[in-house]
Amino acid sequence: MAGCAAEEKTFRRFLELFLREMRMPLQESDPLPTRPLSDLLAEDELEGECLDLCLQHLYKYNCPCSLAAALARATADSVLMNSNLPVCPCVPAEVESVKLARLLFNCLFDTCCQWAKELPFHRRPQPYYETSIHAIKNMRRKMEDKHVIIPDFNTLFNIQDQEEQAFFAVFDGHGGVDAANYAATHLHVNLAHHESFSEDLGEALYRAFRYTDEQFVKKASREHLRCGTTGVVTFLRGRTLHVAWLGDSQVILVRRGQVVELMKPHKPDREDEKKRIEALGGCVIWFGTWRVNGSLSVSRAIGNAAHVSVEVSRLFPLDGSEDYLILACDGFWDTVGPEEAVRVVSDHLSENTGDTSMVAHKLVASARDAGSSDNITVMVVFLRDPQQRCSVPGRGPARPSGPLLSAAVSAGLCWAPPLHLQPQLHMSRHSHGAAGPRLPFEATF
């Protein structure tokens, strides 16, 4: 009870401070706190866009992640029930995103005002997750990576009948950032609403990837976009880890200090991928590296030609001995192998008495120092409390350090970053309270 009271006090304090900072209501001439990425939105894009804009704005003010998820859900539902959405006069089937965003932020302000008077939200108990994320543009002209962190998936989608769930993803765009933006905004929404989500998560992940690809291809056709994205997703449901991916973004699991291989990246130099592409009418040729039709260096992605198809989903039971996950794009994995990554993490934790705040930063620096010139994004999701975790056999448990971590552990609260990685650089630590036949690619450890 004392914990609940402290949590409610934290939520109320955030709402008070947030309302002081927000200048509302927004008028037509006022700049938006966060601007939408597209000018027009199709009907099936509205929910993802509303949730994403709310979360980005709330996280700027260090909103506790569970409260942010609840506020985003309530605000998005209120806006989506509005019968007077700003439909574009030139394209009646689409909504003007800037006007929608203005309506959304005003609604968010109203929701915060109501909740500051009477808080209707009570956070469910959650597993402990501590996440370190870091990214750099590096030597590329643009940053085309995006990431998603949703430690409280159930609250964000108002799911009442499932074990606690969390969603983490890294997307690596090519030819532009639009496909990565789209996947980071909509894939988890498509997953949550799929009819198989409750009973067959593997099927739901497969269909969510395929549907996201289909919808982005339509958007790309409307808006004359020529880009794609690889992606890797980890979904935690109770004591089961689900992994889904396209292309060469990868995730590894570390258990008792040892690497557990979860997947094999889709690359054109794999013989099975080469045969599959050729059977679909494509070709794989050498042009500096193995490429599909002489251009793409990945063999599966969202937003590209038909031969760059979907294949996702593996599940792994967890027994509580797992240390952490590392999700990263190819800008990291091309120069740092799994064993080296584990060594870097282990050395950092040992040298810093278990403080995880700079773990991802250290991994990114390792890739850059090893010669990577690509965008680099690294996310480390710790699956055990630092006081219980032992990253290397024989070593004592890493100890949390600093008042921020101690407060976060005791309250089960803290802040999370925006869902989408901003260009150039983002670094943070956060502790979280907790079409076609499907291919046979499930595995169990």
Protein backbone atom coordinates (compact mmCIF):
# COMPACT_ATOMS: atom_id res chain seq x y z
CA MET A 1 0.00 0.00 0.00
CA ALA A 2 2.84 2.37 0.82
CA GLY A 3 4.34 1.70 -2.61
CA CYS A 4 1.02 2.50 -4.32
CA ALA A 5 0.71 5.74 -2.35
CA ALA A 6 4.24 6.78 -3.28
CA GLU A 7 3.58 5.94 -6.91
CA GLU A 8 0.36 7.96 -6.98
CA LYS A 9 2.21 10.87 -5.41
CA THR A 10 4.86 10.63 -8.14
CA PHE A 11 2.20 10.59 -10.85
CA ARG A 12 0.39 13.60 -9.38
CA ARG A 13 3.63 15.53 -9.02
CA PHE A 14 4.46 14.89 -12.67
CA LEU A 15 1.02 16.06 -13.79
CA GLU A 16 1.34 19.27 -11.78
CA LEU A 17 4.73 20.11 -13.26
CA PHE A 18 3.70 19.09 -16.76
CA LEU A 19 0.60 21.30 -16.72
CA ARG A 20 2.68 24.26 -15.61
CA GLU A 21 4.98 23.82 -18.59
CA MET A 22 2.35 23.26 -21.28
CA ARG A 23 0.92 26.33 -22.95
CA MET A 24 -2.59 25.35 -23.91
CA PRO A 25 -4.84 25.37 -25.72
CA LEU A 26 -2.88 25.53 -28.96
CA GLN A 27 -4.18 28.02 -31.50
CA GLU A 28 -3.80 27.60 -35.26
CA SER A 29 -0.83 29.97 -35.31
CA ASP A 30 1.00 28.23 -32.45
CA PRO A 31 3.91 25.88 -33.21
CA LEU A 32 3.36 22.23 -32.37
CA PRO A 33 5.36 20.70 -29.50
CA THR A 34 6.14 17.71 -31.73
CA ARG A 35 5.51 17.81 -35.46
CA PRO A 36 4.09 14.82 -37.39
CA LEU A 37 6.38 13.16 -39.90
CA SER A 38 3.78 13.02 -42.72
CA ASP A 39 1.45 15.71 -44.03
CA LEU A 40 -1.46 13.32 -44.62
CA LEU A 41 -2.54 10.22 -42.73
CA ALA A 42 -4.65 7.30 -43.91
CA GLU A 43 -7.33 5.97 -41.57
CA ASP A 44 -5.25 2.97 -40.50
CA GLU A 45 -2.35 5.28 -39.54
CA LEU A 46 -4.27 7.44 -37.08
CA GLU A 47 -3.91 5.34 -33.94
CA GLY A 48 -0.18 4.80 -34.32
CA GLU A 49 0.42 8.47 -35.05
CA CYS A 50 -1.66 9.61 -32.06
CA LEU A 51 0.07 7.24 -29.64
CA ASP A 52 3.50 8.13 -30.95
CA LEU A 53 3.00 11.91 -30.75
CA CYS A 54 1.66 11.66 -27.21
CA LEU A 55 4.50 9.46 -26.01
CA GLN A 56 7.21 11.56 -27.62
CA HIS A 57 5.81 14.70 -25.99
CA LEU A 58 5.35 13.15 -22.55
CA TYR A 59 8.82 11.60 -22.52
CA LYS A 60 10.36 14.99 -23.21
CA TYR A 61 9.21 15.86 -19.70
CA ASN A 62 10.44 12.58 -18.16
CA CYS A 63 6.97 11.16 -17.65
CA PRO A 64 6.96 7.77 -15.85
CA CYS A 65 6.57 5.18 -18.58
CA SER A 66 3.39 3.54 -17.26
CA LEU A 67 1.68 6.90 -16.77
CA ALA A 68 2.77 7.96 -20.25
CA ALA A 69 1.27 4.79 -21.74
CA ALA A 70 -2.03 5.35 -19.90
CA LEU A 71 -2.23 9.02 -20.90
CA ALA A 72 -1.39 8.23 -24.52
CA ARG A 73 -4.07 5.53 -24.62
CA ALA A 74 -6.77 7.73 -23.10
CA THR A 75 -5.89 10.70 -25.31
CA ALA A 76 -5.71 8.68 -28.52
CA ASP A 77 -9.06 7.02 -27.80
CA SER A 78 -10.68 10.39 -27.18
CA VAL A 79 -9.34 11.84 -30.43
CA LEU A 80 -10.21 8.79 -32.52
CA MET A 81 -13.82 8.94 -31.31
CA ASN A 82 -14.07 12.54 -32.52
CA SER A 83 -16.48 12.78 -35.44
CA ASN A 84 -14.89 16.01 -36.68
CA LEU A 85 -11.40 14.89 -37.60
CA PRO A 86 -9.62 17.32 -39.98
CA VAL A 87 -10.17 15.49 -43.27
CA CYS A 88 -8.13 16.83 -46.17
CA PRO A 89 -10.42 18.61 -48.68
CA CYS A 90 -8.25 17.47 -51.59
CA VAL A 91 -7.92 13.85 -50.45
CA PRO A 92 -11.12 13.02 -48.50
CA ALA A 93 -9.84 9.58 -47.45
CA GLU A 94 -6.94 11.12 -45.51
CA VAL A 95 -6.55 13.36 -42.47
CA GLU A 96 -4.37 16.47 -42.23
CA SER A 97 -1.69 15.52 -39.72
CA VAL A 98 -0.84 19.00 -38.42
CA LYS A 99 -4.46 19.78 -37.55
CA LEU A 100 -4.83 16.32 -36.01
CA ALA A 101 -1.72 16.91 -33.89
CA ARG A 102 -3.09 20.23 -32.63
CA LEU A 103 -6.34 18.53 -31.65
CA LEU A 104 -4.37 15.72 -29.99
CA PHE A 105 -2.16 17.97 -27.86
CA ASN A 106 -5.14 20.00 -26.67
CA CYS A 107 -6.90 16.76 -25.76
CA LEU A 108 -3.79 15.56 -23.92
CA PHE A 109 -3.80 18.77 -21.89
CA ASP A 110 -7.48 18.29 -20.99
CA THR A 111 -6.82 14.67 -19.97
CA CYS A 112 -3.91 15.72 -17.75
CA CYS A 113 -6.10 18.40 -16.11
CA GLN A 114 -8.77 15.80 -15.30
CA TRP A 115 -6.26 13.25 -14.00
CA ALA A 116 -4.53 15.84 -11.82
CA LYS A 117 -7.84 16.23 -9.96
CA GLU A 118 -8.69 12.53 -9.80
CA LEU A 119 -6.21 9.93 -10.98
CA PRO A 120 -8.11 6.99 -12.56
CA PHE A 121 -5.00 5.02 -13.39
CA HIS A 122 -3.36 2.36 -11.21
CA ARG A 123 -0.23 0.72 -12.55
CA ARG A 124 -0.17 -3.06 -12.68
CA PRO A 125 2.86 -4.89 -11.24
CA GLN A 126 5.53 -5.26 -13.93
CA PRO A 127 8.77 -7.16 -14.46
CA TYR A 128 11.96 -5.20 -13.93
CA TYR A 129 13.59 -3.91 -17.12
CA GLU A 130 16.55 -1.58 -17.30
CA THR A 131 17.38 -0.30 -20.76
CA SER A 132 20.45 1.43 -22.12
CA ILE A 133 20.15 2.96 -25.61
CA HIS A 134 22.68 4.90 -27.66
CA ALA A 135 22.96 5.84 -31.33
CA ILE A 136 25.12 7.92 -33.63
CA LYS A 137 24.79 9.14 -37.19
CA ASN A 138 28.48 8.36 -37.55
CA MET A 139 29.96 9.16 -40.97
CA ARG A 140 26.67 8.97 -42.88
CA ARG A 141 24.91 12.12 -44.11
CA LYS A 142 21.62 11.22 -42.43
CA MET A 143 20.41 9.22 -39.46
CA GLU A 144 18.08 6.49 -40.73
CA ASP A 145 17.81 4.30 -37.61
CA LYS A 146 14.79 4.29 -35.29
CA HIS A 147 14.02 2.42 -32.11
CA VAL A 148 10.97 1.57 -30.02
CA ILE A 149 10.81 0.96 -26.26
CA ILE A 150 7.44 -0.06 -24.77
CA PRO A 151 8.00 -1.63 -21.34
CA ASP A 152 4.28 -1.48 -20.47
CA PHE A 153 2.59 -2.85 -23.60
CA ASN A 154 -0.61 -3.82 -21.77
CA THR A 155 -1.32 -0.30 -20.54
CA LEU A 156 -0.60 1.26 -23.93
CA PHE A 157 -3.19 -1.01 -25.56
CA ASN A 158 -5.51 -1.43 -22.57
CA ILE A 159 -4.96 -5.19 -22.48
CA GLN A 160 -6.56 -6.77 -19.41
CA ASP A 161 -6.37 -10.52 -20.03
CA GLN A 162 -2.67 -11.18 -20.66
CA GLU A 163 0.50 -11.62 -18.65
CA GLU A 164 2.73 -8.56 -18.51
CA GLN A 165 4.19 -7.74 -21.91
CA ALA A 166 6.98 -5.55 -23.27
CA PHE A 167 8.09 -4.60 -26.79
CA PHE A 168 11.59 -3.51 -27.89
CA ALA A 169 12.70 -2.93 -31.49
CA VAL A 170 15.43 -1.45 -33.67
CA PHE A 171 14.81 -0.44 -37.29
CA ASP A 172 17.57 0.37 -39.79
CA GLY A 173 16.35 2.33 -42.80
CA HIS A 174 17.96 2.52 -46.22
CA GLY A 175 17.27 4.99 -49.03
CA GLY A 176 15.66 7.35 -46.53
CA VAL A 177 14.16 7.25 -43.05
CA ASP A 178 10.46 7.03 -43.98
CA ALA A 179 10.16 3.23 -43.86
CA ALA A 180 11.92 3.04 -40.49
CA ASN A 181 9.67 5.82 -39.17
CA TYR A 182 6.59 4.01 -40.41
CA ALA A 183 7.57 0.66 -38.93
CA ALA A 184 8.50 2.24 -35.59
CA THR A 185 5.13 3.99 -35.43
CA HIS A 186 2.79 1.26 -36.66
CA LEU A 187 4.19 -2.28 -36.37
CA HIS A 188 3.39 -2.69 -32.66
CA VAL A 189 -0.10 -1.25 -33.25
CA ASN A 190 -0.73 -3.77 -36.02
CA LEU A 191 0.56 -6.51 -33.73
CA ALA A 192 -1.71 -5.58 -30.82
CA HIS A 193 -4.81 -5.58 -33.02
CA HIS A 194 -4.20 -8.82 -34.89
CA GLU A 195 -6.80 -11.51 -34.21
CA SER A 196 -4.09 -14.06 -33.33
CA PHE A 197 -2.33 -11.82 -30.79
CA SER A 198 -3.72 -13.51 -27.68
CA GLU A 199 -3.55 -17.15 -28.77
CA ASP A 200 -0.69 -17.33 -31.30
CA LEU A 201 1.82 -14.52 -30.91
CA GLY A 202 4.15 -15.99 -33.53
CA GLU A 203 1.40 -15.82 -36.15
CA ALA A 204 0.48 -12.30 -35.03
CA LEU A 205 4.09 -11.12 -35.38
CA TYR A 206 4.34 -12.65 -38.84
CA ARG A 207 1.11 -11.01 -39.97
CA ALA A 208 1.99 -7.68 -38.33
CA PHE A 209 5.25 -7.51 -40.27
CA ARG A 210 3.50 -8.44 -43.51
CA TYR A 211 0.64 -5.98 -43.01
CA THR A 212 3.05 -3.18 -42.06
CA ASP A 213 5.00 -3.87 -45.23
CA GLU A 214 1.86 -3.89 -47.38
CA GLN A 215 0.59 -0.62 -45.93
CA PHE A 216 3.94 1.12 -46.24
CA VAL A 217 4.24 0.03 -49.88
CA LYS A 218 0.86 1.72 -50.50
CA LYS A 219 2.03 4.85 -48.70
CA ALA A 220 5.30 4.84 -50.65
CA SER A 221 3.33 4.63 -53.89
CA ARG A 222 1.10 7.57 -52.90
CA GLU A 223 3.99 9.73 -51.73
CA HIS A 224 6.63 8.57 -54.24
CA LEU A 225 8.98 7.17 -51.59
CA ARG A 226 11.83 4.82 -52.46
CA CYS A 227 13.15 3.39 -49.23
CA GLY A 228 12.97 0.39 -46.95
CA THR A 229 13.98 -0.80 -43.52
CA THR A 230 15.28 -3.87 -41.79
CA GLY A 231 14.10 -4.52 -38.27
CA VAL A 232 14.47 -6.71 -35.21
CA VAL A 233 11.75 -7.02 -32.55
CA THR A 234 11.80 -8.69 -29.15
CA PHE A 235 8.49 -9.22 -27.39
CA LEU A 236 8.39 -10.40 -23.79
CA ARG A 237 5.18 -12.09 -22.62
CA GLY A 238 5.49 -13.44 -19.11
CA ARG A 239 8.35 -15.93 -19.11
CA THR A 240 8.57 -16.26 -22.89
CA LEU A 241 10.73 -14.27 -25.30
CA HIS A 242 9.54 -13.89 -28.89
CA VAL A 243 11.97 -12.69 -31.55
CA ALA A 244 11.00 -11.41 -35.00
CA TRP A 245 13.21 -9.89 -37.67
CA LEU A 246 13.78 -8.92 -41.27
CA GLY A 247 17.23 -8.31 -42.74
CA ASP A 248 20.51 -7.86 -40.93
CA SER A 249 19.49 -6.08 -37.73
CA GLN A 250 20.09 -8.59 -34.95
CA VAL A 251 19.48 -9.47 -31.30
CA ILE A 252 21.41 -11.78 -28.99
CA LEU A 253 20.51 -13.12 -25.56
CA VAL A 254 23.11 -13.40 -22.81
CA ARG A 255 22.47 -16.06 -20.18
CA ARG A 256 24.87 -16.47 -17.25
CA GLY A 257 27.45 -14.51 -19.22
CA GLN A 258 27.21 -16.74 -22.32
CA VAL A 259 25.79 -15.88 -25.75
CA VAL A 260 22.59 -17.63 -26.80
CA GLU A 261 22.00 -17.37 -30.55
CA LEU A 262 18.41 -16.34 -31.24
CA MET A 263 18.46 -15.77 -35.00
CA LYS A 264 20.46 -15.64 -38.21
CA PRO A 265 20.39 -12.35 -40.14
CA HIS A 266 18.94 -12.32 -43.64
CA LYS A 267 21.82 -11.51 -45.99
CA PRO A 268 22.25 -12.15 -49.73
CA ASP A 269 25.46 -14.12 -49.12
CA ARG A 270 23.47 -16.90 -47.41
CA GLU A 271 23.03 -19.74 -49.88
CA ASP A 272 19.40 -20.34 -48.87
CA GLU A 273 18.59 -16.64 -49.30
CA LYS A 274 20.31 -16.54 -52.69
CA LYS A 275 18.28 -19.52 -53.93
CA ARG A 276 15.04 -18.03 -52.61
CA ILE A 277 15.69 -14.70 -54.35
CA GLU A 278 16.57 -16.39 -57.64
CA ALA A 279 13.43 -18.55 -57.44
CA LEU A 280 11.41 -15.33 -57.16
CA GLY A 281 13.00 -13.85 -60.29
CA GLY A 282 15.73 -11.78 -58.65
CA CYS A 283 19.48 -12.17 -58.66
CA VAL A 284 22.36 -11.79 -56.25
CA ILE A 285 25.56 -10.23 -57.61
CA TRP A 286 28.82 -8.94 -56.16
CA PHE A 287 29.17 -5.16 -56.18
CA GLY A 288 31.50 -4.34 -53.31
CA THR A 289 29.42 -6.83 -51.32
CA TRP A 290 26.70 -9.33 -52.23
CA ARG A 291 23.61 -7.40 -53.30
CA VAL A 292 20.06 -8.19 -54.40
CA ASN A 293 19.72 -7.11 -58.06
CA GLY A 294 22.98 -5.21 -57.64
CA SER A 295 21.58 -2.68 -55.16
CA LEU A 296 20.32 -3.88 -51.76
CA SER A 297 22.78 -5.55 -49.40
CA VAL A 298 19.91 -7.09 -47.39
CA SER A 299 17.67 -9.87 -48.61
CA ARG A 300 14.55 -9.12 -46.55
CA ALA A 301 13.07 -5.79 -45.50
CA ILE A 302 9.94 -3.70 -45.21
CA GLY A 303 9.17 -1.53 -48.21
CA ASN A 304 11.22 -3.12 -50.98
CA ALA A 305 10.56 -5.44 -53.93
CA ALA A 306 8.53 -8.64 -53.65
CA HIS A 307 11.60 -10.84 -53.37
CA VAL A 308 12.50 -9.01 -50.15
CA SER A 309 9.83 -10.94 -48.29
CA VAL A 310 8.76 -11.61 -44.73
CA GLU A 311 10.00 -14.38 -42.48
CA VAL A 312 9.83 -13.85 -38.76
CA SER A 313 9.21 -15.29 -35.29
CA ARG A 314 10.95 -17.59 -32.88
CA LEU A 315 10.09 -18.18 -29.25
CA PHE A 316 12.32 -18.97 -26.30
CA PRO A 317 11.20 -19.88 -22.77
CA LEU A 318 12.99 -17.90 -20.04
CA ASP A 319 14.00 -19.44 -16.71
CA GLY A 320 15.18 -16.34 -14.84
CA SER A 321 18.90 -16.91 -15.45
CA GLU A 322 18.98 -14.55 -18.44
CA ASP A 323 21.15 -11.45 -18.05
CA TYR A 324 20.25 -9.16 -20.94
CA LEU A 325 19.42 -8.70 -24.62
CA ILE A 326 21.45 -6.69 -27.13
CA LEU A 327 19.51 -5.35 -30.13
CA ALA A 328 21.48 -3.49 -32.79
CA CYS A 329 21.63 -2.59 -36.46
CA ASP A 330 24.25 -3.88 -38.89
CA GLY A 331 26.38 -0.79 -38.29
CA PHE A 332 27.23 -2.43 -34.98
CA TRP A 333 27.24 -6.16 -35.80
CA ASP A 334 29.38 -5.77 -38.94
CA THR A 335 32.37 -4.82 -36.78
CA VAL A 336 31.60 -6.26 -33.32
CA GLY A 337 30.80 -9.95 -32.87
CA PRO A 338 28.51 -11.36 -30.15
CA GLU A 339 31.36 -12.63 -27.95
CA GLU A 340 33.16 -9.29 -28.16
CA ALA A 341 29.93 -7.45 -27.30
CA VAL A 342 29.50 -9.58 -24.16
CA ARG A 343 33.10 -8.89 -23.17
CA VAL A 344 32.59 -5.13 -23.56
CA VAL A 345 29.45 -5.23 -21.40
CA SER A 346 31.10 -7.41 -18.77
CA ASP A 347 34.19 -5.21 -18.56
CA HIS A 348 32.09 -2.06 -18.32
CA LEU A 349 29.90 -3.41 -15.52
CA SER A 350 32.94 -4.67 -13.64
CA GLU A 351 34.76 -1.35 -13.96
CA ASN A 352 31.71 0.71 -13.01
CA THR A 353 30.33 -1.35 -10.10
CA GLY A 354 27.31 -2.47 -12.09
CA ASP A 355 26.24 0.96 -13.35
CA THR A 356 24.55 0.35 -16.71
CA SER A 357 24.03 3.97 -17.76
CA MET A 358 26.85 3.98 -20.33
CA VAL A 359 26.74 0.36 -21.50
CA ALA A 360 25.20 1.12 -24.91
CA HIS A 361 27.53 4.11 -25.32
CA LYS A 362 30.51 1.81 -24.74
CA LEU A 363 29.24 -0.70 -27.30
CA VAL A 364 28.67 1.99 -29.93
CA ALA A 365 32.17 3.34 -29.34
CA SER A 366 33.57 -0.18 -29.79
CA ALA A 367 31.91 -0.49 -33.21
CA ARG A 368 33.08 2.93 -34.33
CA ASP A 369 36.63 2.27 -33.15
CA ALA A 370 36.58 -1.04 -35.04
CA GLY A 371 35.92 0.82 -38.29
CA SER A 372 32.14 1.14 -38.65
CA SER A 373 31.13 4.18 -40.72
CA ASP A 374 27.40 3.38 -40.82
CA ASN A 375 24.63 4.63 -38.53
CA ILE A 376 24.95 2.71 -35.25
CA THR A 377 22.12 1.98 -32.82
CA VAL A 378 22.55 -0.32 -29.81
CA MET A 379 19.90 -1.18 -27.21
CA VAL A 380 20.67 -3.28 -24.15
CA VAL A 381 17.66 -4.60 -22.21
CA PHE A 382 18.60 -6.04 -18.82
CA LEU A 383 16.29 -8.84 -17.75
CA ARG A 384 17.39 -9.04 -14.14
CA ASP A 385 17.71 -6.50 -11.38
CA PRO A 386 21.36 -5.40 -11.13
CA GLN A 387 21.53 -6.75 -7.58
CA GLN A 388 20.58 -10.22 -8.83
CA ARG A 389 22.45 -10.17 -12.12
CA CYS A 390 25.82 -11.85 -12.50
CA SER A 391 27.17 -11.02 -15.94
CA VAL A 392 30.14 -13.38 -15.78
CA PRO A 393 30.18 -16.74 -13.98
CA GLY A 394 32.17 -16.49 -10.77
CA ARG A 395 31.64 -12.77 -10.27
CA GLY A 396 29.39 -11.32 -7.65
CA PRO A 397 26.18 -9.55 -8.63
CA ALA A 398 26.56 -6.11 -10.14
CA ARG A 399 25.43 -3.40 -7.77
CA PRO A 400 23.27 -0.45 -8.76
CA SER A 401 24.87 2.91 -8.22
CA GLY A 402 23.66 6.47 -7.90
CA PRO A 403 20.52 7.97 -6.41
CA LEU A 404 18.58 7.90 -9.68
CA LEU A 405 18.86 4.13 -10.04
CA SER A 406 18.14 3.51 -6.38
CA ALA A 407 15.02 5.65 -6.52
CA ALA A 408 13.87 3.99 -9.72
CA VAL A 409 14.29 0.50 -8.29
CA SER A 410 12.49 1.32 -5.07
CA ALA A 411 9.58 3.10 -6.75
CA GLY A 412 9.43 0.90 -9.85
CA LEU A 413 9.35 4.08 -11.89
CA CYS A 414 11.47 6.29 -14.04
CA TRP A 415 11.53 7.97 -17.40
CA ALA A 416 11.93 6.52 -20.86
CA PRO A 417 13.10 8.17 -24.09
CA PRO A 418 10.94 9.05 -27.08
CA LEU A 419 9.82 6.02 -29.02
CA HIS A 420 11.77 7.23 -32.02
CA LEU A 421 15.45 7.92 -31.91
CA GLN A 422 16.19 11.50 -32.84
CA PRO A 423 18.84 12.24 -35.50
CA GLN A 424 22.50 12.44 -34.54
CA LEU A 425 22.57 11.15 -30.99
CA HIS A 426 20.45 9.88 -28.17
CA MET A 427 21.63 8.24 -24.99
CA SER A 428 19.84 7.29 -21.84
CA ARG A 429 19.33 4.77 -19.10
CA HIS A 430 15.93 3.83 -17.84
CA SER A 431 14.69 1.31 -15.32
CA HIS A 432 11.20 0.05 -15.93
CA GLY A 433 8.95 -1.61 -13.51
CA ALA A 434 8.18 -3.90 -14.85
CA ALA A 435 -0.16 -13.22 -46.98
CA GLY A 436 1.04 -16.60 -47.93
CA PRO A 437 1.53 -19.63 -45.76
CA ARG A 438 3.35 -19.21 -42.51
CA LEU A 439 6.81 -20.73 -42.61
CA PRO A 440 7.89 -23.30 -39.99
CA PHE A 441 10.53 -21.29 -38.16
CA GLU A 442 9.67 -21.57 -34.48
CA ALA A 443 12.37 -22.92 -32.19
CA THR A 444 12.44 -23.74 -28.51
CA PHE A 445 15.35 -23.83 -26.09
